[in-house]
Amino acid sequence: MAASPEPFSMAGGPLTVVLVHGYTGTPAEFSLLADAINAEGFGIEAPLLVGHGTCVEDLMPVQPSQWLAQIDAVVMRLLASGQRVVVAGLSLGSILAIQAGMRHPGVEAVIAYSPPIVSGDPRARIAPLLSLVLPSVPRPADDFVDPAAADRLWRYPRWPSRCSVRILGLIASTRRHLADLHQPLLVIASTQDKVITRGGVEMLRERTSSERVVMHWLERTGHVITADAEWKTVAHQTLIFLKGL
């Protein structure tokens, strides 16, 4: 049975983790991780970003500001209800999580899974030109270590070019303002990941103003670390971090 693209939430204790999926993906990227976190008493909110979970044409006109507003609304609702809030994201979701930390001092911590602070995709350099001639481009080839990982996901097979250019602008803006992030930060990434760069991850660690930054590198997984071969290690490190807050 194919993974569901639907958003989901799980009741928990006084701390809720907002899980923000990646570009062209869905909350299914977090199914395994969410179960593991929730089993330890943490609440879960996994929204479906605007333009996702339907057809790729719905994503083409979307502006990053729509996603920022969407995550803002989730964070403010949880804070208003008295919840402690941690925002975590995968890939593009990690950029939105960092933005949530910058925008909301009440966010207690941020978790960045596979953060694309600097893109490892060579097409990023010519993305503005591509966007003029191609409505969409194929997503990078899957780099799963665990063949079963693909069955855990629901994704678009292509990236809308103009939306991709807007995302690169969001990433660049986030990169320029990393010093505005002050919350504790957990970063988990894979040395095998070709979508991101190690230099970009190190930049995140060096430029943030967070007094506590925890880094963990994986060796046997691809970009979607929350669903691939080392997802249990991701869950373990996440739980250590959450329990230390």
Protein backbone atom coordinates (compact mmCIF):
# COMPACT_ATOMS: atom_id res chain seq x y z
CA MET A 1 0.00 0.00 0.00
CA ALA A 2 1.38 3.41 -0.97
CA ALA A 3 2.22 5.85 1.81
CA SER A 4 -0.41 8.47 2.58
CA PRO A 5 0.32 12.13 1.82
CA GLU A 6 -2.05 13.31 4.54
CA PRO A 7 -1.00 15.50 7.50
CA PHE A 8 -1.21 13.90 10.91
CA SER A 9 -1.02 14.70 14.60
CA MET A 10 -0.45 12.63 17.72
CA ALA A 11 -1.40 13.64 21.24
CA GLY A 12 1.36 13.66 23.81
CA GLY A 13 2.63 15.44 26.88
CA PRO A 14 3.54 19.11 27.40
CA LEU A 15 6.06 19.23 24.52
CA THR A 16 4.98 18.96 20.87
CA VAL A 17 7.36 18.42 17.97
CA VAL A 18 6.30 20.04 14.69
CA LEU A 19 7.66 17.92 11.82
CA VAL A 20 8.04 19.79 8.51
CA HIS A 21 8.56 17.69 5.39
CA GLY A 22 10.77 18.38 2.39
CA TYR A 23 10.26 19.85 -1.07
CA THR A 24 7.85 17.78 -3.20
CA GLY A 25 7.46 15.38 -0.25
CA THR A 26 4.80 14.82 2.40
CA PRO A 27 4.53 14.06 6.14
CA ALA A 28 5.00 10.37 5.26
CA GLU A 29 8.74 11.10 5.48
CA PHE A 30 8.24 11.18 9.25
CA SER A 31 5.97 8.18 9.82
CA LEU A 32 8.60 6.01 11.51
CA LEU A 33 10.22 8.86 13.41
CA ALA A 34 6.89 10.23 14.62
CA ASP A 35 5.88 6.87 16.06
CA ALA A 36 9.19 6.57 17.91
CA ILE A 37 8.99 10.10 19.33
CA ASN A 38 5.34 9.81 20.30
CA ALA A 39 5.98 6.49 22.06
CA GLU A 40 8.18 8.45 24.48
CA GLY A 41 5.38 10.87 25.35
CA PHE A 42 5.97 13.75 22.94
CA GLY A 43 3.14 15.21 20.88
CA ILE A 44 3.43 15.40 17.10
CA GLU A 45 2.15 17.84 14.49
CA ALA A 46 3.05 16.99 10.89
CA PRO A 47 1.39 19.48 8.50
CA LEU A 48 1.17 19.09 4.73
CA LEU A 49 2.80 22.09 3.09
CA VAL A 50 0.74 24.08 0.59
CA GLY A 51 1.04 22.73 -2.96
CA HIS A 52 2.06 19.24 -1.86
CA GLY A 53 0.30 15.90 -1.76
CA THR A 54 -1.82 16.46 -4.88
CA CYS A 55 -0.21 17.09 -8.28
CA VAL A 56 2.98 18.90 -9.21
CA GLU A 57 1.04 21.64 -11.03
CA ASP A 58 -0.38 22.76 -7.68
CA LEU A 59 3.14 23.46 -6.44
CA MET A 60 4.25 25.63 -9.36
CA PRO A 61 2.72 28.98 -8.23
CA VAL A 62 3.38 28.57 -4.50
CA GLN A 63 5.46 31.19 -2.70
CA PRO A 64 7.72 30.31 0.26
CA SER A 65 5.88 32.96 2.27
CA GLN A 66 2.85 30.67 2.20
CA TRP A 67 4.82 27.90 3.91
CA LEU A 68 6.27 30.31 6.45
CA ALA A 69 2.78 31.54 7.30
CA GLN A 70 1.54 27.97 7.54
CA ILE A 71 4.23 26.96 10.04
CA ASP A 72 3.78 30.25 11.91
CA ALA A 73 0.11 29.37 12.39
CA VAL A 74 0.89 25.90 13.76
CA VAL A 75 3.54 27.24 16.15
CA MET A 76 1.36 30.08 17.43
CA ARG A 77 -1.60 27.76 17.97
CA LEU A 78 0.50 25.34 20.00
CA LEU A 79 2.16 28.09 22.05
CA ALA A 80 -1.23 29.69 22.73
CA SER A 81 -2.48 26.36 24.06
CA GLY A 82 0.39 26.20 26.56
CA GLN A 83 2.48 23.62 24.72
CA ARG A 84 6.24 23.68 24.65
CA VAL A 85 7.22 23.61 20.97
CA VAL A 86 10.17 22.17 19.06
CA VAL A 87 10.23 22.58 15.28
CA ALA A 88 12.02 19.94 13.21
CA GLY A 89 12.32 19.66 9.46
CA LEU A 90 13.82 17.56 6.69
CA SER A 91 15.66 19.27 3.82
CA LEU A 92 13.47 22.26 2.82
CA GLY A 93 11.57 21.55 6.03
CA SER A 94 14.76 22.20 7.99
CA ILE A 95 14.99 25.67 6.43
CA LEU A 96 11.40 26.34 7.49
CA ALA A 97 12.21 25.01 10.98
CA ILE A 98 15.18 27.37 11.26
CA GLN A 99 12.96 30.22 10.10
CA ALA A 100 10.38 29.28 12.75
CA GLY A 101 13.08 29.50 15.41
CA MET A 102 14.16 32.91 14.15
CA ARG A 103 10.59 34.21 13.98
CA HIS A 104 9.30 32.81 17.28
CA PRO A 105 11.44 33.18 20.41
CA GLY A 106 8.92 30.92 22.16
CA VAL A 107 10.07 27.94 20.10
CA GLU A 108 12.16 25.92 22.52
CA ALA A 109 14.54 24.21 20.07
CA VAL A 110 15.11 23.49 16.39
CA ILE A 111 16.07 20.23 14.68
CA ALA A 112 17.53 20.24 11.16
CA TYR A 113 17.60 16.94 9.26
CA SER A 114 19.67 17.06 6.04
CA PRO A 115 19.71 20.88 5.94
CA PRO A 116 20.45 22.29 2.43
CA ILE A 117 22.23 25.41 3.64
CA VAL A 118 24.30 25.07 0.47
CA SER A 119 22.86 22.92 -2.31
CA GLY A 120 24.80 19.93 -3.58
CA ASP A 121 22.75 19.81 -6.79
CA PRO A 122 24.83 21.33 -9.64
CA ARG A 123 21.60 22.44 -11.32
CA ALA A 124 21.14 25.02 -8.56
CA ARG A 125 23.70 27.25 -10.28
CA ILE A 126 21.66 27.44 -13.46
CA ALA A 127 18.21 27.18 -11.88
CA PRO A 128 17.10 30.69 -12.98
CA LEU A 129 17.94 29.84 -16.59
CA LEU A 130 16.27 26.42 -16.39
CA SER A 131 13.13 28.03 -15.02
CA LEU A 132 12.80 30.08 -18.21
CA VAL A 133 12.75 27.05 -20.50
CA LEU A 134 11.53 24.08 -18.43
CA PRO A 135 8.38 24.11 -16.28
CA SER A 136 9.79 21.26 -14.21
CA VAL A 137 12.88 19.10 -13.93
CA PRO A 138 13.34 15.51 -12.70
CA ARG A 139 14.08 15.23 -9.01
CA PRO A 140 17.60 13.98 -8.21
CA ALA A 141 18.05 10.22 -8.40
CA ASP A 142 17.11 8.38 -5.23
CA ASP A 143 20.06 7.57 -3.00
CA PHE A 144 18.33 5.13 -0.65
CA VAL A 145 20.48 2.60 1.15
CA ASP A 146 17.39 0.68 2.27
CA PRO A 147 15.34 -0.27 -0.84
CA ALA A 148 12.19 -0.32 1.31
CA ALA A 149 12.55 3.42 1.99
CA ALA A 150 10.82 4.32 -1.28
CA ASP A 151 7.66 2.51 -0.15
CA ARG A 152 7.51 4.71 2.97
CA LEU A 153 7.28 7.94 0.98
CA TRP A 154 4.78 9.90 -1.13
CA ARG A 155 6.52 12.38 -3.42
CA TYR A 156 6.25 14.21 -6.70
CA PRO A 157 8.59 12.81 -9.38
CA ARG A 158 9.57 16.29 -10.60
CA TRP A 159 10.57 19.68 -9.19
CA PRO A 160 8.75 22.80 -10.51
CA SER A 161 11.56 25.02 -11.81
CA ARG A 162 10.28 28.47 -10.84
CA CYS A 163 9.25 27.30 -7.39
CA SER A 164 12.73 25.82 -7.00
CA VAL A 165 14.25 29.23 -7.76
CA ARG A 166 12.06 30.81 -5.08
CA ILE A 167 13.25 28.17 -2.61
CA LEU A 168 16.87 28.96 -3.41
CA GLY A 169 16.06 32.57 -2.55
CA LEU A 170 14.59 31.50 0.78
CA ILE A 171 17.67 29.41 1.53
CA ALA A 172 19.98 32.31 0.66
CA SER A 173 18.02 34.64 2.95
CA THR A 174 18.11 32.08 5.75
CA ARG A 175 21.86 31.60 5.27
CA ARG A 176 22.44 35.36 5.64
CA HIS A 177 20.52 35.47 8.92
CA LEU A 178 21.71 32.33 10.71
CA ALA A 179 23.01 34.49 13.56
CA ASP A 180 19.36 35.24 14.39
CA LEU A 181 18.84 31.65 15.53
CA HIS A 182 19.38 31.41 19.30
CA GLN A 183 17.59 28.20 20.35
CA PRO A 184 19.31 24.86 21.02
CA LEU A 185 19.91 23.17 17.68
CA LEU A 186 20.25 19.53 16.67
CA VAL A 187 21.66 18.84 13.19
CA ILE A 188 21.71 15.34 11.69
CA ALA A 189 23.02 14.70 8.17
CA SER A 190 24.61 11.98 6.07
CA THR A 191 28.09 12.04 4.59
CA GLN A 192 26.61 10.21 1.58
CA ASP A 193 24.03 12.93 0.83
CA LYS A 194 24.47 14.58 -2.59
CA VAL A 195 21.55 16.99 -2.19
CA ILE A 196 23.34 19.00 0.51
CA THR A 197 26.97 19.85 1.19
CA ARG A 198 29.11 19.23 4.25
CA GLY A 199 30.36 22.81 4.00
CA GLY A 200 26.81 24.08 4.25
CA VAL A 201 26.15 22.01 7.37
CA GLU A 202 29.34 23.31 8.94
CA MET A 203 28.28 26.85 8.04
CA LEU A 204 25.07 26.31 9.97
CA ARG A 205 27.01 25.24 13.03
CA GLU A 206 29.48 28.11 12.80
CA ARG A 207 27.07 30.98 12.10
CA THR A 208 24.18 30.24 14.42
CA SER A 209 24.01 32.07 17.73
CA SER A 210 22.74 28.94 19.49
CA GLU A 211 24.68 28.27 22.67
CA ARG A 212 24.02 24.54 22.28
CA VAL A 213 24.54 22.93 18.87
CA VAL A 214 24.57 19.14 18.62
CA MET A 215 25.89 17.61 15.39
CA HIS A 216 25.54 13.99 14.33
CA TRP A 217 26.85 12.60 11.05
CA LEU A 218 25.49 9.38 9.55
CA GLU A 219 27.44 7.12 7.20
CA ARG A 220 24.93 4.60 5.81
CA THR A 221 21.93 6.55 4.58
CA GLY A 222 20.82 8.85 1.80
CA HIS A 223 19.18 12.27 1.90
CA VAL A 224 15.85 11.22 3.43
CA ILE A 225 17.45 10.18 6.70
CA THR A 226 14.13 9.94 8.54
CA ALA A 227 12.97 7.03 6.35
CA ASP A 228 16.18 5.34 5.17
CA ALA A 229 18.50 2.74 6.65
CA GLU A 230 19.58 4.72 9.74
CA TRP A 231 16.21 6.13 10.76
CA LYS A 232 16.48 4.37 14.14
CA THR A 233 19.70 6.27 14.85
CA VAL A 234 17.94 9.49 13.83
CA ALA A 235 15.12 8.67 16.26
CA HIS A 236 17.57 7.79 19.04
CA GLN A 237 19.57 11.01 18.67
CA THR A 238 16.37 13.04 18.43
CA LEU A 239 15.03 11.57 21.64
CA ILE A 240 18.30 12.19 23.49
CA PHE A 241 18.11 15.84 22.38
CA LEU A 242 14.44 16.26 23.30
CA LYS A 243 14.86 14.69 26.72
CA GLY A 244 17.77 17.06 27.40
CA LEU A 245 15.70 20.22 26.92
